Amino acid sequence: MTGQTRLPRLVLSLAVWWMLIALILWLLGKALDQAATLTECASSSAFLLAIGEAGDWLRRRRKANRSPRGHRTTQSRQQPPST
């Protein structure tokens, strides 16, 4: 996937998730007789989506900083060959 198609797909994906979560929250509120407007549910879903994306970003950063054996990778200076 190129950089030109990556951003629109990400935006579309986030928008679909945001609307889906808002709809689920609104329907759940209706089912439980909790009066919440669709606007309130949309703002709550935006908050939940932001927390989820931040957690996913942190998870990917942490995974990228670890070697296959589970140790953190650090870029150390190479030692000059001993003579």
C-alpha atoms as a PDB file:
ATOM      1  CA  MET A   1       0.000   0.000   0.000  1.00  0.00           C
ATOM      2  CA  THR A   2       1.416   3.354  -0.976  1.00  0.00           C
ATOM      3  CA  GLY A   3       1.428   6.471   1.172  1.00  0.00           C
ATOM      4  CA  GLN A   4      -1.219   8.059  -1.038  1.00  0.00           C
ATOM      5  CA  THR A   5      -3.755   5.314  -0.333  1.00  0.00           C
ATOM      6  CA  ARG A   6      -2.793   4.715   3.288  1.00  0.00           C
ATOM      7  CA  LEU A   7      -4.119   7.982   4.769  1.00  0.00           C
ATOM      8  CA  PRO A   8      -7.585   7.893   3.150  1.00  0.00           C
ATOM      9  CA  ARG A   9      -8.020   4.255   4.213  1.00  0.00           C
ATOM     10  CA  LEU A  10      -6.990   5.106   7.773  1.00  0.00           C
ATOM     11  CA  VAL A  11      -9.397   8.053   7.918  1.00  0.00           C
ATOM     12  CA  LEU A  12     -12.234   5.953   6.509  1.00  0.00           C
ATOM     13  CA  SER A  13     -11.501   3.123   8.920  1.00  0.00           C
ATOM     14  CA  LEU A  14     -11.467   5.449  11.939  1.00  0.00           C
ATOM     15  CA  ALA A  15     -14.682   7.157  10.819  1.00  0.00           C
ATOM     16  CA  VAL A  16     -16.465   3.820  10.428  1.00  0.00           C
ATOM     17  CA  TRP A  17     -15.281   2.658  13.857  1.00  0.00           C
ATOM     18  CA  TRP A  18     -16.322   5.987  15.402  1.00  0.00           C
ATOM     19  CA  MET A  19     -19.836   5.781  13.932  1.00  0.00           C
ATOM     20  CA  LEU A  20     -20.194   2.102  14.853  1.00  0.00           C
ATOM     21  CA  ILE A  21     -19.189   2.689  18.480  1.00  0.00           C
ATOM     22  CA  ALA A  22     -21.495   5.725  18.694  1.00  0.00           C
ATOM     23  CA  LEU A  23     -24.404   3.686  17.363  1.00  0.00           C
ATOM     24  CA  ILE A  24     -23.718   0.824  19.774  1.00  0.00           C
ATOM     25  CA  LEU A  25     -23.555   3.225  22.734  1.00  0.00           C
ATOM     26  CA  TRP A  26     -26.777   4.936  21.647  1.00  0.00           C
ATOM     27  CA  LEU A  27     -28.634   1.639  21.166  1.00  0.00           C
ATOM     28  CA  LEU A  28     -27.335   0.326  24.482  1.00  0.00           C
ATOM     29  CA  GLY A  29     -28.553   3.508  26.170  1.00  0.00           C
ATOM     30  CA  LYS A  30     -31.973   3.095  24.573  1.00  0.00           C
ATOM     31  CA  ALA A  31     -32.168  -0.546  25.656  1.00  0.00           C
ATOM     32  CA  LEU A  32     -31.238   0.334  29.256  1.00  0.00           C
ATOM     33  CA  ASP A  33     -33.524   3.412  29.416  1.00  0.00           C
ATOM     34  CA  GLN A  34     -30.561   5.751  29.827  1.00  0.00           C
ATOM     35  CA  ALA A  35     -31.383   8.987  28.059  1.00  0.00           C
ATOM     36  CA  ALA A  36     -28.363   9.906  25.955  1.00  0.00           C
ATOM     37  CA  THR A  37     -28.480  11.753  22.678  1.00  0.00           C
ATOM     38  CA  LEU A  38     -26.681  10.509  19.622  1.00  0.00           C
ATOM     39  CA  THR A  39     -24.375  13.554  19.910  1.00  0.00           C
ATOM     40  CA  GLU A  40     -23.365  12.573  23.444  1.00  0.00           C
ATOM     41  CA  CYS A  41     -22.727   9.023  22.315  1.00  0.00           C
ATOM     42  CA  ALA A  42     -20.639  10.282  19.378  1.00  0.00           C
ATOM     43  CA  SER A  43     -18.431  12.338  21.685  1.00  0.00           C
ATOM     44  CA  SER A  44     -17.986   9.374  24.018  1.00  0.00           C
ATOM     45  CA  SER A  45     -17.099   7.125  21.119  1.00  0.00           C
ATOM     46  CA  ALA A  46     -14.523   9.653  19.880  1.00  0.00           C
ATOM     47  CA  PHE A  47     -12.931   9.542  23.333  1.00  0.00           C
ATOM     48  CA  LEU A  48     -12.918   5.735  23.368  1.00  0.00           C
ATOM     49  CA  LEU A  49     -11.496   5.636  19.853  1.00  0.00           C
ATOM     50  CA  ALA A  50      -8.685   8.051  20.800  1.00  0.00           C
ATOM     51  CA  ILE A  51      -7.765   5.936  23.837  1.00  0.00           C
ATOM     52  CA  GLY A  52      -7.790   2.763  21.743  1.00  0.00           C
ATOM     53  CA  GLU A  53      -5.621   4.251  19.012  1.00  0.00           C
ATOM     54  CA  ALA A  54      -3.144   5.618  21.569  1.00  0.00           C
ATOM     55  CA  GLY A  55      -2.929   2.186  23.206  1.00  0.00           C
ATOM     56  CA  ASP A  56      -2.389   0.514  19.844  1.00  0.00           C
ATOM     57  CA  TRP A  57       0.337   3.031  18.966  1.00  0.00           C
ATOM     58  CA  LEU A  58       2.098   2.377  22.292  1.00  0.00           C
ATOM     59  CA  ARG A  59       1.825  -1.389  21.769  1.00  0.00           C
ATOM     60  CA  ARG A  60       3.385  -1.140  18.303  1.00  0.00           C
ATOM     61  CA  ARG A  61       6.179   1.121  19.590  1.00  0.00           C
ATOM     62  CA  ARG A  62       6.961  -1.275  22.399  1.00  0.00           C
ATOM     63  CA  LYS A  63       6.972  -4.260  20.045  1.00  0.00           C
ATOM     64  CA  ALA A  64       9.287  -2.449  17.614  1.00  0.00           C
ATOM     65  CA  ASN A  65      11.785  -1.732  20.401  1.00  0.00           C
ATOM     66  CA  ARG A  66      12.148  -5.378  21.386  1.00  0.00           C
ATOM     67  CA  SER A  67      14.298  -8.044  19.837  1.00  0.00           C
ATOM     68  CA  PRO A  68      12.907 -11.495  18.977  1.00  0.00           C
ATOM     69  CA  ARG A  69      14.050 -12.870  22.355  1.00  0.00           C
ATOM     70  CA  GLY A  70      12.183 -10.183  24.309  1.00  0.00           C
ATOM     71  CA  HIS A  71      15.097  -7.934  25.212  1.00  0.00           C
ATOM     72  CA  ARG A  72      15.077  -4.280  24.383  1.00  0.00           C
ATOM     73  CA  THR A  73      17.168  -3.422  21.396  1.00  0.00           C
ATOM     74  CA  THR A  74      19.597  -0.587  21.749  1.00  0.00           C
ATOM     75  CA  GLN A  75      21.911   0.789  19.210  1.00  0.00           C
ATOM     76  CA  SER A  76      25.287   0.490  20.821  1.00  0.00           C
ATOM     77  CA  ARG A  77      28.522   1.633  19.426  1.00  0.00           C
ATOM     78  CA  GLN A  78      30.535  -1.083  17.810  1.00  0.00           C
ATOM     79  CA  GLN A  79      33.748  -1.923  19.543  1.00  0.00           C
ATOM     80  CA  PRO A  80      36.852  -1.494  17.397  1.00  0.00           C
ATOM     81  CA  PRO A  81      38.573  -4.775  16.608  1.00  0.00           C
ATOM     82  CA  SER A  82      41.280  -5.634  19.109  1.00  0.00           C
ATOM     83  CA  THR A  83      44.771  -6.047  17.723  1.00  0.00           C
END
